[in-house]
PDB file of N, CA and C in Angstrom:
ATOM      1  N   MET A   1     163.100 329.298 206.531  1.00  0.00           N
ATOM      2  CA  MET A   1     164.247 328.547 207.119  1.00  0.00           C
ATOM      3  C   MET A   1     164.675 329.924 209.173  1.00  0.00           C
ATOM      4  N   ASP A   2     165.819 330.594 207.927  1.00  0.00           N
ATOM      5  CA  ASP A   2     166.120 331.394 208.307  1.00  0.00           C
ATOM      6  C   ASP A   2     165.513 332.935 209.348  1.00  0.00           C
ATOM      7  N   ASP A   3     164.558 332.614 208.949  1.00  0.00           N
ATOM      8  CA  ASP A   3     163.190 333.710 209.311  1.00  0.00           C
ATOM      9  C   ASP A   3     162.392 333.177 210.591  1.00  0.00           C
ATOM     10  N   THR A   4     162.152 331.922 210.122  1.00  0.00           N
ATOM     11  CA  THR A   4     161.574 331.255 211.615  1.00  0.00           C
ATOM     12  C   THR A   4     162.462 330.682 211.747  1.00  0.00           C
ATOM     13  N   TYR A   5     163.477 330.240 212.304  1.00  0.00           N
ATOM     14  CA  TYR A   5     163.792 329.361 213.250  1.00  0.00           C
ATOM     15  C   TYR A   5     164.933 330.291 214.129  1.00  0.00           C
ATOM     16  N   ALA A   6     165.067 332.139 214.109  1.00  0.00           N
ATOM     17  CA  ALA A   6     166.086 332.623 213.802  1.00  0.00           C
ATOM     18  C   ALA A   6     166.524 332.894 215.092  1.00  0.00           C
ATOM     19  N   GLY A   7     165.063 332.785 216.209  1.00  0.00           N
ATOM     20  CA  GLY A   7     164.853 333.004 217.502  1.00  0.00           C
ATOM     21  C   GLY A   7     164.515 331.905 218.354  1.00  0.00           C
ATOM     22  N   ASP A   8     164.718 330.216 217.743  1.00  0.00           N
ATOM     23  CA  ASP A   8     164.561 329.316 218.727  1.00  0.00           C
ATOM     24  C   ASP A   8     164.907 328.582 217.404  1.00  0.00           C
ATOM     25  N   VAL A   9     165.958 327.708 217.619  1.00  0.00           N
ATOM     26  CA  VAL A   9     166.067 326.412 217.157  1.00  0.00           C
ATOM     27  C   VAL A   9     165.732 325.046 217.620  1.00  0.00           C
ATOM     28  N   ARG A  10     164.620 325.588 218.016  1.00  0.00           N
ATOM     29  CA  ARG A  10     164.608 323.901 218.822  1.00  0.00           C
ATOM     30  C   ARG A  10     164.133 322.974 217.662  1.00  0.00           C
ATOM     31  N   GLY A  11     164.244 321.974 217.361  1.00  0.00           N
ATOM     32  CA  GLY A  11     164.037 321.451 216.365  1.00  0.00           C
ATOM     33  C   GLY A  11     165.032 321.101 214.875  1.00  0.00           C
ATOM     34  N   VAL A  12     165.148 321.734 215.336  1.00  0.00           N
ATOM     35  CA  VAL A  12     166.625 322.604 214.311  1.00  0.00           C
ATOM     36  C   VAL A  12     167.831 321.833 214.767  1.00  0.00           C
ATOM     37  N   ASP A  13     168.122 322.205 216.204  1.00  0.00           N
ATOM     38  CA  ASP A  13     169.628 321.675 217.015  1.00  0.00           C
ATOM     39  C   ASP A  13     169.581 320.046 216.437  1.00  0.00           C
ATOM     40  N   THR A  14     168.433 319.079 215.692  1.00  0.00           N
ATOM     41  CA  THR A  14     168.114 317.989 216.051  1.00  0.00           C
ATOM     42  C   THR A  14     168.492 317.199 214.698  1.00  0.00           C
ATOM     43  N   PHE A  15     167.753 318.410 213.805  1.00  0.00           N
ATOM     44  CA  PHE A  15     167.483 317.848 211.898  1.00  0.00           C
ATOM     45  C   PHE A  15     168.409 316.687 211.940  1.00  0.00           C
ATOM     46  N   SER A  16     169.701 317.019 211.161  1.00  0.00           N
ATOM     47  CA  SER A  16     171.023 316.165 211.239  1.00  0.00           C
ATOM     48  C   SER A  16     170.583 314.705 211.426  1.00  0.00           C
ATOM     49  N   GLU A  17     170.203 314.870 213.014  1.00  0.00           N
ATOM     50  CA  GLU A  17     170.536 313.751 213.203  1.00  0.00           C
ATOM     51  C   GLU A  17     169.167 312.447 213.400  1.00  0.00           C
ATOM     52  N   ARG A  18     168.424 313.421 213.521  1.00  0.00           N
ATOM     53  CA  ARG A  18     166.661 312.757 213.042  1.00  0.00           C
ATOM     54  C   ARG A  18     166.663 311.758 212.078  1.00  0.00           C
ATOM     55  N   PHE A  19     167.126 313.137 211.117  1.00  0.00           N
ATOM     56  CA  PHE A  19     167.096 313.017 209.060  1.00  0.00           C
ATOM     57  C   PHE A  19     168.477 311.970 209.401  1.00  0.00           C
ATOM     58  N   ILE A  20     169.356 311.639 209.525  1.00  0.00           N
ATOM     59  CA  ILE A  20     170.740 310.377 209.331  1.00  0.00           C
ATOM     60  C   ILE A  20     169.742 308.546 210.378  1.00  0.00           C
ATOM     61  N   THR A  21     169.123 309.601 211.024  1.00  0.00           N
ATOM     62  CA  THR A  21     169.268 307.881 211.655  1.00  0.00           C
ATOM     63  C   THR A  21     167.619 307.581 211.671  1.00  0.00           C
ATOM     64  N   GLY A  22     166.456 308.232 210.282  1.00  0.00           N
ATOM     65  CA  GLY A  22     165.415 308.244 209.947  1.00  0.00           C
ATOM     66  C   GLY A  22     164.133 308.334 210.755  1.00  0.00           C
ATOM     67  N   ARG A  23     164.752 309.287 211.930  1.00  0.00           N
ATOM     68  CA  ARG A  23     163.428 309.319 212.949  1.00  0.00           C
ATOM     69  C   ARG A  23     162.476 310.285 212.390  1.00  0.00           C
ATOM     70  N   GLU A  24     161.802 310.218 213.336  1.00  0.00           N
ATOM     71  CA  GLU A  24     160.473 311.684 212.515  1.00  0.00           C
ATOM     72  C   GLU A  24     161.129 312.881 213.202  1.00  0.00           C
ATOM     73  N   GLN A  25     160.519 313.871 212.569  1.00  0.00           N
ATOM     74  CA  GLN A  25     161.161 315.697 213.342  1.00  0.00           C
ATOM     75  C   GLN A  25     160.367 315.868 214.108  1.00  0.00           C
ATOM     76  N   VAL A  26     160.537 316.899 215.364  1.00  0.00           N
ATOM     77  CA  VAL A  26     160.006 317.710 216.295  1.00  0.00           C
ATOM     78  C   VAL A  26     158.788 318.272 215.661  1.00  0.00           C
ATOM     79  N   ASN A  27     158.650 318.491 213.953  1.00  0.00           N
ATOM     80  CA  ASN A  27     157.204 319.619 214.017  1.00  0.00           C
ATOM     81  C   ASN A  27     157.181 318.787 212.348  1.00  0.00           C
ATOM     82  N   GLU A  28     155.832 319.346 212.168  1.00  0.00           N
ATOM     83  CA  GLU A  28     155.239 318.775 210.200  1.00  0.00           C
ATOM     84  C   GLU A  28     156.299 319.207 209.530  1.00  0.00           C
ATOM     85  N   ALA A  29     157.040 320.660 209.953  1.00  0.00           N
ATOM     86  CA  ALA A  29     157.510 322.067 208.407  1.00  0.00           C
ATOM     87  C   ALA A  29     159.003 320.847 208.607  1.00  0.00           C
ATOM     88  N   LEU A  30     159.547 320.394 209.764  1.00  0.00           N
ATOM     89  CA  LEU A  30     160.985 319.980 209.517  1.00  0.00           C
ATOM     90  C   LEU A  30     161.341 318.457 208.713  1.00  0.00           C
ATOM     91  N   ASP A  31     159.853 317.707 209.241  1.00  0.00           N
ATOM     92  CA  ASP A  31     159.405 316.480 208.394  1.00  0.00           C
ATOM     93  C   ASP A  31     158.891 316.225 207.409  1.00  0.00           C
ATOM     94  N   GLY A  32     158.071 317.836 206.906  1.00  0.00           N
ATOM     95  CA  GLY A  32     158.128 318.262 205.782  1.00  0.00           C
ATOM     96  C   GLY A  32     159.488 318.208 204.534  1.00  0.00           C
ATOM     97  N   LEU A  33     161.035 318.599 205.163  1.00  0.00           N
ATOM     98  CA  LEU A  33     162.019 319.239 204.950  1.00  0.00           C
ATOM     99  C   LEU A  33     162.613 317.838 204.235  1.00  0.00           C
ATOM    100  N   ALA A  34     162.530 317.234 206.134  1.00  0.00           N
ATOM    101  CA  ALA A  34     164.047 315.948 205.866  1.00  0.00           C
ATOM    102  C   ALA A  34     163.225 315.213 204.511  1.00  0.00           C
ATOM    103  N   ARG A  35     161.740 315.004 204.780  1.00  0.00           N
ATOM    104  CA  ARG A  35     160.766 313.630 203.560  1.00  0.00           C
ATOM    105  C   ARG A  35     161.682 314.443 201.695  1.00  0.00           C
ATOM    106  N   LEU A  36     161.259 315.807 201.961  1.00  0.00           N
ATOM    107  CA  LEU A  36     161.524 316.674 200.408  1.00  0.00           C
ATOM    108  C   LEU A  36     163.366 315.924 200.353  1.00  0.00           C
ATOM    109  N   LEU A  37     163.929 316.210 200.967  1.00  0.00           N
ATOM    110  CA  LEU A  37     165.491 315.780 200.775  1.00  0.00           C
ATOM    111  C   LEU A  37     165.958 314.330 200.680  1.00  0.00           C
ATOM    112  N   ARG A  38     164.974 313.538 201.467  1.00  0.00           N
ATOM    113  CA  ARG A  38     164.849 311.849 200.894  1.00  0.00           C
ATOM    114  C   ARG A  38     164.304 311.622 199.564  1.00  0.00           C
ATOM    115  N   GLU A  39     163.339 312.356 199.074  1.00  0.00           N
ATOM    116  CA  GLU A  39     163.328 311.913 197.790  1.00  0.00           C
ATOM    117  C   GLU A  39     164.097 312.803 196.929  1.00  0.00           C
ATOM    118  N   ILE A  40     164.594 313.454 196.904  1.00  0.00           N
ATOM    119  CA  ILE A  40     166.152 315.058 196.391  1.00  0.00           C
ATOM    120  C   ILE A  40     166.587 314.272 195.058  1.00  0.00           C
ATOM    121  N   ASN A  41     166.436 312.648 194.913  1.00  0.00           N
ATOM    122  CA  ASN A  41     167.008 311.679 193.949  1.00  0.00           C
ATOM    123  C   ASN A  41     165.922 311.740 192.477  1.00  0.00           C
ATOM    124  N   LEU A  42     164.798 311.706 193.129  1.00  0.00           N
ATOM    125  CA  LEU A  42     163.777 311.374 192.414  1.00  0.00           C
ATOM    126  C   LEU A  42     164.111 312.490 191.061  1.00  0.00           C
ATOM    127  N   HIS A  43     164.115 314.246 191.937  1.00  0.00           N
ATOM    128  CA  HIS A  43     164.165 314.961 190.663  1.00  0.00           C
ATOM    129  C   HIS A  43     165.777 314.735 190.352  1.00  0.00           C
ATOM    130  N   TYR A  44     166.375 315.107 190.742  1.00  0.00           N
ATOM    131  CA  TYR A  44     168.102 314.850 190.073  1.00  0.00           C
ATOM    132  C   TYR A  44     168.464 314.405 190.466  1.00  0.00           C
ATOM    133  N   TYR A  45     169.922 314.500 189.731  1.00  0.00           N
ATOM    134  CA  TYR A  45     170.334 312.943 189.249  1.00  0.00           C
ATOM    135  C   TYR A  45     172.719 313.057 189.638  1.00  0.00           C
ATOM    136  N   GLY A  46     172.617 312.013 189.715  1.00  0.00           N
ATOM    137  CA  GLY A  46     174.093 312.051 190.597  1.00  0.00           C
ATOM    138  C   GLY A  46     174.407 313.172 192.070  1.00  0.00           C
ATOM    139  N   ILE A  47     175.551 314.215 190.770  1.00  0.00           N
ATOM    140  CA  ILE A  47     175.937 315.270 192.059  1.00  0.00           C
ATOM    141  C   ILE A  47     175.274 316.390 192.434  1.00  0.00           C
ATOM    142  N   GLN A  48     174.053 316.814 191.423  1.00  0.00           N
ATOM    143  CA  GLN A  48     173.400 317.635 191.257  1.00  0.00           C
ATOM    144  C   GLN A  48     172.371 316.839 193.038  1.00  0.00           C
ATOM    145  N   ALA A  49     172.068 316.290 192.887  1.00  0.00           N
ATOM    146  CA  ALA A  49     171.396 315.408 194.230  1.00  0.00           C
ATOM    147  C   ALA A  49     171.999 315.748 195.302  1.00  0.00           C
ATOM    148  N   ASN A  50     173.260 314.624 195.182  1.00  0.00           N
ATOM    149  CA  ASN A  50     174.078 315.322 196.828  1.00  0.00           C
ATOM    150  C   ASN A  50     174.718 316.279 197.147  1.00  0.00           C
ATOM    151  N   ILE A  51     174.582 317.600 195.666  1.00  0.00           N
ATOM    152  CA  ILE A  51     175.051 319.271 196.071  1.00  0.00           C
ATOM    153  C   ILE A  51     174.057 320.153 196.962  1.00  0.00           C
ATOM    154  N   ILE A  52     172.391 319.575 196.077  1.00  0.00           N
ATOM    155  CA  ILE A  52     171.664 320.233 197.409  1.00  0.00           C
ATOM    156  C   ILE A  52     171.420 319.129 198.856  1.00  0.00           C
ATOM    157  N   LEU A  53     171.520 318.007 198.742  1.00  0.00           N
ATOM    158  CA  LEU A  53     171.541 317.773 200.366  1.00  0.00           C
ATOM    159  C   LEU A  53     172.905 318.244 201.028  1.00  0.00           C
ATOM    160  N   THR A  54     173.821 318.082 200.431  1.00  0.00           N
ATOM    161  CA  THR A  54     174.593 318.755 201.239  1.00  0.00           C
ATOM    162  C   THR A  54     174.974 319.570 201.827  1.00  0.00           C
ATOM    163  N   SER A  55     174.402 320.458 200.775  1.00  0.00           N
ATOM    164  CA  SER A  55     174.039 322.438 201.152  1.00  0.00           C
ATOM    165  C   SER A  55     173.616 322.439 201.984  1.00  0.00           C
ATOM    166  N   SER A  56     171.601 321.664 201.981  1.00  0.00           N
ATOM    167  CA  SER A  56     170.902 321.927 202.882  1.00  0.00           C
ATOM    168  C   SER A  56     171.463 321.992 203.505  1.00  0.00           C
ATOM    169  N   LEU A  57     172.107 320.767 204.647  1.00  0.00           N
ATOM    170  CA  LEU A  57     172.399 319.962 205.604  1.00  0.00           C
ATOM    171  C   LEU A  57     173.348 321.138 206.220  1.00  0.00           C
ATOM    172  N   ASN A  58     173.455 321.197 205.397  1.00  0.00           N
ATOM    173  CA  ASN A  58     174.526 322.791 205.712  1.00  0.00           C
ATOM    174  C   ASN A  58     174.247 323.930 206.080  1.00  0.00           C
ATOM    175  N   PHE A  59     173.642 324.295 205.132  1.00  0.00           N
ATOM    176  CA  PHE A  59     172.546 325.555 205.832  1.00  0.00           C
ATOM    177  C   PHE A  59     171.526 325.754 207.073  1.00  0.00           C
ATOM    178  N   ILE A  60     171.657 323.930 207.454  1.00  0.00           N
ATOM    179  CA  ILE A  60     170.822 323.847 208.654  1.00  0.00           C
ATOM    180  C   ILE A  60     171.671 323.819 210.038  1.00  0.00           C
ATOM    181  N   THR A  61     173.054 323.587 209.414  1.00  0.00           N
ATOM    182  CA  THR A  61     173.691 323.445 210.610  1.00  0.00           C
ATOM    183  C   THR A  61     174.507 325.125 210.981  1.00  0.00           C
ATOM    184  N   SER A  62     174.234 326.065 209.746  1.00  0.00           N
ATOM    185  CA  SER A  62     174.815 326.861 209.536  1.00  0.00           C
ATOM    186  C   SER A  62     173.792 327.886 210.814  1.00  0.00           C
ATOM    187  N   THR A  63     172.629 327.843 210.621  1.00  0.00           N
ATOM    188  CA  THR A  63     171.430 328.211 211.432  1.00  0.00           C
ATOM    189  C   THR A  63     171.611 328.613 212.845  1.00  0.00           C
ATOM    190  N   ILE A  64     172.181 326.842 213.244  1.00  0.00           N
ATOM    191  CA  ILE A  64     172.466 326.712 214.634  1.00  0.00           C
ATOM    192  C   ILE A  64     173.660 327.404 215.455  1.00  0.00           C
ATOM    193  N   LEU A  65     174.881 327.418 213.673  1.00  0.00           N
ATOM    194  CA  LEU A  65     175.381 327.611 214.837  1.00  0.00           C
ATOM    195  C   LEU A  65     175.581 329.235 215.502  1.00  0.00           C
ATOM    196  N   GLU A  66     174.554 330.434 214.439  1.00  0.00           N
ATOM    197  CA  GLU A  66     174.601 331.392 214.122  1.00  0.00           C
ATOM    198  C   GLU A  66     173.020 332.202 215.359  1.00  0.00           C
ATOM    199  N   PHE A  67     172.522 330.895 215.389  1.00  0.00           N
ATOM    200  CA  PHE A  67     171.806 331.099 217.077  1.00  0.00           C
ATOM    201  C   PHE A  67     172.766 331.177 217.760  1.00  0.00           C
ATOM    202  N   GLU A  68     173.434 330.383 217.904  1.00  0.00           N
ATOM    203  CA  GLU A  68     174.673 329.838 219.129  1.00  0.00           C
ATOM    204  C   GLU A  68     175.759 330.526 219.926  1.00  0.00           C
ATOM    205  N   THR A  69     175.872 331.983 218.245  1.00  0.00           N
ATOM    206  CA  THR A  69     176.945 332.692 218.891  1.00  0.00           C
ATOM    207  C   THR A  69     176.561 333.907 218.537  1.00  0.00           C
ATOM    208  N   GLN A  70     175.219 334.120 218.832  1.00  0.00           N
ATOM    209  CA  GLN A  70     175.089 335.175 218.371  1.00  0.00           C
ATOM    210  C   GLN A  70     175.066 336.174 220.278  1.00  0.00           C
ATOM    211  N   GLY A  71     175.860 337.381 220.300  1.00  0.00           N
ATOM    212  CA  GLY A  71     175.979 338.030 221.544  1.00  0.00           C
ATOM    213  C   GLY A  71     177.893 338.019 221.678  1.00  0.00           C
ATOM    214  N   MET A  72     178.587 337.261 221.035  1.00  0.00           N
ATOM    215  CA  MET A  72     179.751 336.672 221.258  1.00  0.00           C
ATOM    216  C   MET A  72     180.584 337.428 220.309  1.00  0.00           C
ATOM    217  N   THR A  73     181.866 338.321 221.524  1.00  0.00           N
ATOM    218  CA  THR A  73     182.414 338.487 220.868  1.00  0.00           C
ATOM    219  C   THR A  73     183.364 338.079 220.053  1.00  0.00           C
ATOM    220  N   VAL A  74     184.417 338.144 219.427  1.00  0.00           N
ATOM    221  CA  VAL A  74     185.202 338.340 218.135  1.00  0.00           C
ATOM    222  C   VAL A  74     186.414 338.418 219.001  1.00  0.00           C
ATOM    223  N   SER A  75     187.253 337.925 218.671  1.00  0.00           N
ATOM    224  CA  SER A  75     188.439 337.866 218.922  1.00  0.00           C
ATOM    225  C   SER A  75     189.363 338.041 217.602  1.00  0.00           C
ATOM    226  N   LEU A  76     190.659 339.182 218.100  1.00  0.00           N
ATOM    227  CA  LEU A  76     191.703 338.862 217.128  1.00  0.00           C
ATOM    228  C   LEU A  76     193.030 338.509 217.008  1.00  0.00           C
ATOM    229  N   PHE A  77     193.514 337.438 217.545  1.00  0.00           N
ATOM    230  CA  PHE A  77     194.484 336.401 218.237  1.00  0.00           C
ATOM    231  C   PHE A  77     195.800 336.852 216.213  1.00  0.00           C
ATOM    232  N   PHE A  78     196.802 338.069 216.071  1.00  0.00           N
ATOM    233  CA  PHE A  78     197.240 337.901 215.603  1.00  0.00           C
ATOM    234  C   PHE A  78     198.367 339.090 215.709  1.00  0.00           C
ATOM    235  N   GLU A  79     200.040 339.222 215.404  1.00  0.00           N
ATOM    236  CA  GLU A  79     200.652 340.099 214.893  1.00  0.00           C
ATOM    237  C   GLU A  79     200.634 341.538 213.794  1.00  0.00           C
ATOM    238  N   LEU A  80     200.527 341.897 214.175  1.00  0.00           N
ATOM    239  CA  LEU A  80     200.802 343.004 212.411  1.00  0.00           C
ATOM    240  C   LEU A  80     202.445 342.783 212.722  1.00  0.00           C
ATOM    241  N   ASP A  81     203.521 342.243 211.574  1.00  0.00           N
ATOM    242  CA  ASP A  81     204.305 343.003 210.920  1.00  0.00           C
ATOM    243  C   ASP A  81     204.421 344.152 210.704  1.00  0.00           C
ATOM    244  N   GLY A  82     205.059 345.630 211.482  1.00  0.00           N
ATOM    245  CA  GLY A  82     205.702 345.810 211.031  1.00  0.00           C
ATOM    246  C   GLY A  82     206.273 346.672 211.127  1.00  0.00           C
TER     247      GLY A  82
END
């Protein structure tokens, strides 16, 4: 995921919305991931399935966030008591 979409997040940026609403994803790879996540409860139970699902969605979000913040400068706003 991070290698494939490191330079272009088209499709990934709408993955969660499409996943939640049950719509088809923009390409076969993401559609396959969506199908796999929908079937997670067939292979794992309860909290394990929940953790895998939420972690996967969080990873997708982090991929988008990393892409969109490339090149941004970091500002440190704090005072040192000295």
